[in-house]
Protein backbone atom coordinates (compact mmCIF):
# COMPACT_ATOMS: atom_id res chain seq x y z
CA UNK A 1 12.50 -9.84 8.47
CA UNK A 2 9.31 -11.65 9.48
CA UNK A 3 7.22 -12.89 6.56
CA UNK A 4 3.59 -13.69 7.36
CA UNK A 5 2.44 -14.90 3.96
CA UNK A 6 3.46 -15.61 0.39
CA UNK A 7 1.40 -15.66 -2.81
CA UNK A 8 3.23 -17.36 -5.64
CA UNK A 9 1.61 -15.69 -8.62
CA UNK A 10 -0.43 -12.60 -9.48
CA UNK A 11 -1.36 -10.78 -12.67
CA UNK A 12 -2.92 -7.75 -10.98
CA UNK A 13 -0.71 -6.55 -8.12
CA UNK A 14 2.26 -5.11 -10.03
CA UNK A 15 1.37 -2.90 -13.02
CA UNK A 16 2.41 -4.51 -16.33
CA UNK A 17 4.24 -7.36 -14.60
CA UNK A 18 3.67 -10.89 -13.42
CA UNK A 19 4.57 -11.07 -9.77
CA UNK A 20 4.81 -12.94 -6.51
CA UNK A 21 3.64 -11.28 -3.30
CA UNK A 22 5.49 -11.28 0.00
CA UNK A 23 3.38 -10.32 3.03
CA UNK A 24 5.36 -8.99 5.98
CA UNK A 25 4.09 -9.41 9.53
CA UNK A 26 3.09 -6.53 11.77
CA UNK A 27 1.33 -3.18 11.38
CA UNK A 28 0.85 -0.32 13.87
CA UNK A 29 -2.44 0.81 12.35
CA UNK A 30 -5.86 -0.56 13.24
CA UNK A 31 -8.01 0.21 10.20
CA UNK A 32 -11.40 -1.40 10.79
CA UNK A 33 -11.75 -2.55 7.17
CA UNK A 34 -8.33 -4.29 7.10
CA UNK A 35 -8.78 -7.53 5.14
CA UNK A 36 -5.53 -9.08 6.45
CA UNK A 37 -6.06 -8.77 10.23
CA UNK A 38 -3.88 -11.82 10.85
CA UNK A 39 -0.90 -9.77 9.65
CA UNK A 40 -1.38 -6.98 12.20
CA UNK A 41 0.24 -8.60 15.30
CA UNK A 42 4.02 -8.36 15.55
CA UNK A 43 5.41 -11.89 15.76
CA UNK A 44 8.90 -13.31 16.16
CA UNK A 45 8.68 -16.09 13.57
CA UNK A 46 7.37 -16.44 10.04
CA UNK A 47 7.93 -18.11 6.69
CA UNK A 48 11.52 -18.95 5.82
CA UNK A 49 12.65 -16.30 3.33
CA UNK A 50 15.17 -18.71 1.82
CA UNK A 51 12.29 -20.91 0.67
CA UNK A 52 10.76 -17.90 -1.06
CA UNK A 53 14.04 -16.95 -2.71
CA UNK A 54 14.52 -20.52 -3.94
CA UNK A 55 11.02 -20.52 -5.42
CA UNK A 56 11.60 -17.18 -7.14
CA UNK A 57 14.90 -18.36 -8.60
CA UNK A 58 13.17 -21.42 -10.03
CA UNK A 59 10.33 -19.39 -11.55
CA UNK A 60 12.30 -16.47 -13.02
CA UNK A 61 11.01 -17.19 -16.53
CA UNK A 62 7.43 -16.84 -15.31
CA UNK A 63 7.74 -14.04 -12.75
CA UNK A 64 9.42 -10.69 -13.35
CA UNK A 65 8.35 -8.73 -10.29
CA UNK A 66 7.91 -9.11 -6.54
CA UNK A 67 5.43 -7.11 -4.45
CA UNK A 68 6.37 -6.46 -0.84
CA UNK A 69 3.26 -5.74 1.19
CA UNK A 70 1.91 -6.37 4.65
CA UNK A 71 1.39 -5.61 7.37
CA UNK A 72 3.80 -2.72 6.96
CA UNK A 73 7.08 -3.71 5.25
CA UNK A 74 9.07 -0.60 6.22
CA UNK A 75 9.02 -1.65 9.88
CA UNK A 76 10.95 -4.83 9.12
CA UNK A 77 14.60 -5.24 10.01
CA UNK A 78 16.35 -6.91 7.11
CA UNK A 79 14.04 -5.43 4.49
CA UNK A 80 16.86 -3.72 2.58
CA UNK A 81 18.97 -6.89 2.50
CA UNK A 82 16.01 -8.90 1.23
CA UNK A 83 15.24 -6.38 -1.50
CA UNK A 84 18.91 -6.29 -2.50
CA UNK A 85 18.77 -10.06 -3.06
CA UNK A 86 15.67 -9.68 -5.21
CA UNK A 87 17.36 -7.01 -7.31
CA UNK A 88 20.49 -9.17 -7.69
CA UNK A 89 18.22 -11.90 -9.06
CA UNK A 90 16.86 -9.47 -11.64
CA UNK A 91 13.39 -8.85 -10.24
CA UNK A 92 11.57 -5.54 -10.30
CA UNK A 93 10.27 -4.66 -6.82
CA UNK A 94 7.02 -2.98 -5.82
CA UNK A 95 6.59 -1.68 -2.28
CA UNK A 96 3.20 -1.25 -0.65
CA UNK A 97 3.35 1.10 2.33
CA UNK A 98 1.14 3.07 4.67
CA UNK A 99 3.82 5.77 4.77
CA UNK A 100 4.77 5.46 8.43
CA UNK A 101 8.54 5.32 7.70
CA UNK A 102 9.56 8.06 5.23
CA UNK A 103 13.21 7.53 6.18
CA UNK A 104 13.10 3.91 5.02
CA UNK A 105 11.24 4.71 1.82
CA UNK A 106 13.80 7.41 1.04
CA UNK A 107 16.72 5.00 1.57
CA UNK A 108 15.12 2.35 -0.63
CA UNK A 109 14.57 4.86 -3.42
CA UNK A 110 18.10 6.24 -3.29
CA UNK A 111 19.58 2.73 -3.16
CA UNK A 112 17.50 1.81 -6.23
CA UNK A 113 16.01 -1.17 -4.40
CA UNK A 114 12.43 -0.45 -5.45
CA UNK A 115 10.86 0.33 -8.83
CA UNK A 116 7.27 1.17 -7.92
CA UNK A 117 5.52 2.34 -4.74
CA UNK A 118 1.86 2.12 -3.81
CA UNK A 119 0.99 4.25 -0.79
CA UNK A 120 -2.24 4.20 1.16
CA UNK A 121 -3.78 7.63 1.57
CA UNK A 122 -6.07 6.81 4.46
CA UNK A 123 -8.05 10.05 4.83
CA UNK A 124 -7.75 13.81 4.59
CA UNK A 125 -4.82 14.80 6.78
CA UNK A 126 -6.78 16.43 9.57
CA UNK A 127 -8.92 13.27 10.02
CA UNK A 128 -6.22 10.64 9.57
CA UNK A 129 -6.62 9.08 13.00
CA UNK A 130 -10.31 8.42 12.28
CA UNK A 131 -9.18 5.63 9.94
CA UNK A 132 -5.90 4.36 11.38
CA UNK A 133 -7.30 4.52 14.95
CA UNK A 134 -3.90 5.44 16.32
CA UNK A 135 -3.51 8.88 17.83
CA UNK A 136 -0.57 11.21 17.41
CA UNK A 137 0.11 14.11 15.07
CA UNK A 138 3.63 12.81 14.49
CA UNK A 139 2.24 9.65 12.86
CA UNK A 140 0.16 11.67 10.40
CA UNK A 141 3.12 13.95 9.70
CA UNK A 142 5.31 10.98 8.82
CA UNK A 143 2.69 9.67 6.41
CA UNK A 144 2.42 13.13 4.91
CA UNK A 145 6.20 13.28 4.52
CA UNK A 146 6.21 9.99 2.61
CA UNK A 147 3.39 11.25 0.41
CA UNK A 148 5.36 14.34 -0.59
CA UNK A 149 8.56 12.31 -0.93
CA UNK A 150 6.96 10.13 -3.58
CA UNK A 151 5.63 13.17 -5.40
CA UNK A 152 9.13 14.59 -5.80
CA UNK A 153 11.20 11.39 -6.06
CA UNK A 154 10.71 10.56 -9.72
CA UNK A 155 9.88 6.95 -8.87
CA UNK A 156 6.76 5.38 -10.40
CA UNK A 157 4.00 5.41 -7.79
CA UNK A 158 0.30 5.42 -7.04
CA UNK A 159 -1.89 6.52 -4.16
CA UNK A 160 -4.94 4.58 -3.06
CA UNK A 161 -7.78 5.04 -0.61
CA UNK A 162 -10.04 2.28 0.68
CA UNK A 163 -13.55 3.56 1.34
CA UNK A 164 -14.33 3.39 5.06
CA UNK A 165 -18.12 3.06 5.40
CA UNK A 166 -19.54 5.58 7.85
CA UNK A 167 -16.29 7.56 8.02
CA UNK A 168 -15.42 8.83 4.53
CA UNK A 169 -17.70 11.31 2.80
CA UNK A 170 -17.75 12.17 -0.89
CA UNK A 171 -16.22 15.55 -0.07
CA UNK A 172 -13.23 13.81 1.53
CA UNK A 173 -12.32 12.15 -1.77
CA UNK A 174 -12.39 15.46 -3.62
CA UNK A 175 -10.08 16.87 -0.96
CA UNK A 176 -7.67 13.93 -1.25
CA UNK A 177 -7.65 14.12 -5.05
CA UNK A 178 -6.68 17.75 -4.64
CA UNK A 179 -3.45 16.65 -2.91
CA UNK A 180 -2.21 14.95 -6.08
CA UNK A 181 -0.09 16.44 -8.85
CA UNK A 182 -0.81 16.36 -12.57
CA UNK A 183 -0.43 12.89 -14.05
CA UNK A 184 -0.48 11.00 -10.76
CA UNK A 185 -2.51 7.83 -10.27
CA UNK A 186 -5.25 7.64 -7.65
CA UNK A 187 -7.16 4.42 -6.97
CA UNK A 188 -10.34 4.37 -4.91
CA UNK A 189 -10.97 0.93 -3.49
CA UNK A 190 -14.20 -0.59 -2.24
CA UNK A 191 -13.68 -2.46 1.02
CA UNK A 192 -13.96 -6.22 1.07
CA UNK A 193 -16.30 -7.67 3.67
CA UNK A 194 -15.30 -11.34 3.73
CA UNK A 195 -12.81 -10.74 6.55
CA UNK A 196 -12.19 -7.51 8.48
CA UNK A 197 -10.38 -6.44 11.63
CA UNK A 198 -13.74 -5.15 12.85
CA UNK A 199 -16.36 -7.79 11.98
CA UNK A 200 -19.14 -5.33 12.79
CA UNK A 201 -18.06 -3.01 9.96
CA UNK A 202 -21.14 -1.67 8.21
CA UNK A 203 -21.56 -2.52 4.53
CA UNK A 204 -23.43 0.70 3.83
CA UNK A 205 -20.87 2.91 2.06
CA UNK A 206 -23.36 5.75 1.96
CA UNK A 207 -22.80 6.91 -1.62
CA UNK A 208 -22.38 5.60 -5.17
CA UNK A 209 -18.65 5.01 -5.64
CA UNK A 210 -18.94 4.72 -9.42
CA UNK A 211 -20.69 8.09 -9.64
CA UNK A 212 -18.15 9.57 -7.23
CA UNK A 213 -15.27 8.56 -9.48
CA UNK A 214 -16.93 10.04 -12.54
CA UNK A 215 -17.44 13.32 -10.71
CA UNK A 216 -13.85 13.42 -9.46
CA UNK A 217 -12.55 12.73 -12.97
CA UNK A 218 -14.58 15.64 -14.24
CA UNK A 219 -13.09 17.91 -11.56
CA UNK A 220 -9.53 16.60 -11.89
CA UNK A 221 -9.00 15.67 -15.57
CA UNK A 222 -5.22 15.90 -15.07
CA UNK A 223 -5.24 12.84 -12.79
CA UNK A 224 -5.61 9.13 -13.52
CA UNK A 225 -8.46 8.03 -11.26
CA UNK A 226 -9.73 4.47 -11.22
CA UNK A 227 -11.94 2.17 -9.18
CA UNK A 228 -10.22 -0.90 -7.79
C-alpha cells in the first residue's frame, strides 16, 4: 500500500468524528479540477505506514476515526490489511472512493472494515467520461455498480459532485439528484482553484450554486442536499 500523504487531524472529513487522513497514491482518472494532482501518478514508494500506525496509537484519546482517501484507495494492494489494523486499534474508518472497484468496496463492507463511504458522483452516467477524461463504458459501469451497491448495502454513505466549470449544467445536477434514494446525502462541492491538474481551468462556473441547491432541495425534499 503506497501512501502519498498524511494529515494528522481533521474536524470536518469524517461526520461526527475527529479523524486523521491517509492519502493513497495513484488514480486512473484525470479530472481537470483535481486539487491533489501530485497523488495521481502511480509510484513505488511512499510514507511508511508503520509511522502512521504508531502516531494513531499514541493519539487514540484525541482521534476516533481515520479517513482513507486519495488518489484512489481501492486500487491499493494491502488496503484490507491496513484497514484491519485500524479496526483492531478501535478506529472507525471512512473510505473515499471514485467507485472504480466495486468488488473491493463490497469486500470491505462485508468484512466490516469500513463504517462510512463517500463516493464521487462525477457526472450523469451518459457523460461520465467528460469529467474523468478516461474513455470506456466498462469504467462508467463499474462506478455505477458501486453507486448501487452503496444504496443497497446498509452502510452509512454519501454521494458528492464537484462542479466542473464549463462541463456541468444545472440540469445535470437535477438528473444526478434523481439517482438518489429517499434519505440519502448529496453534497455539491465548489471546485478549489489554488491547485488543479489543469491549471487553465476556468473559474466561471456558469450558474449560482447556492440558488441551484435551493432549487434542488425544493424538487427533492426527501434528500439531504448541502453545499460543501
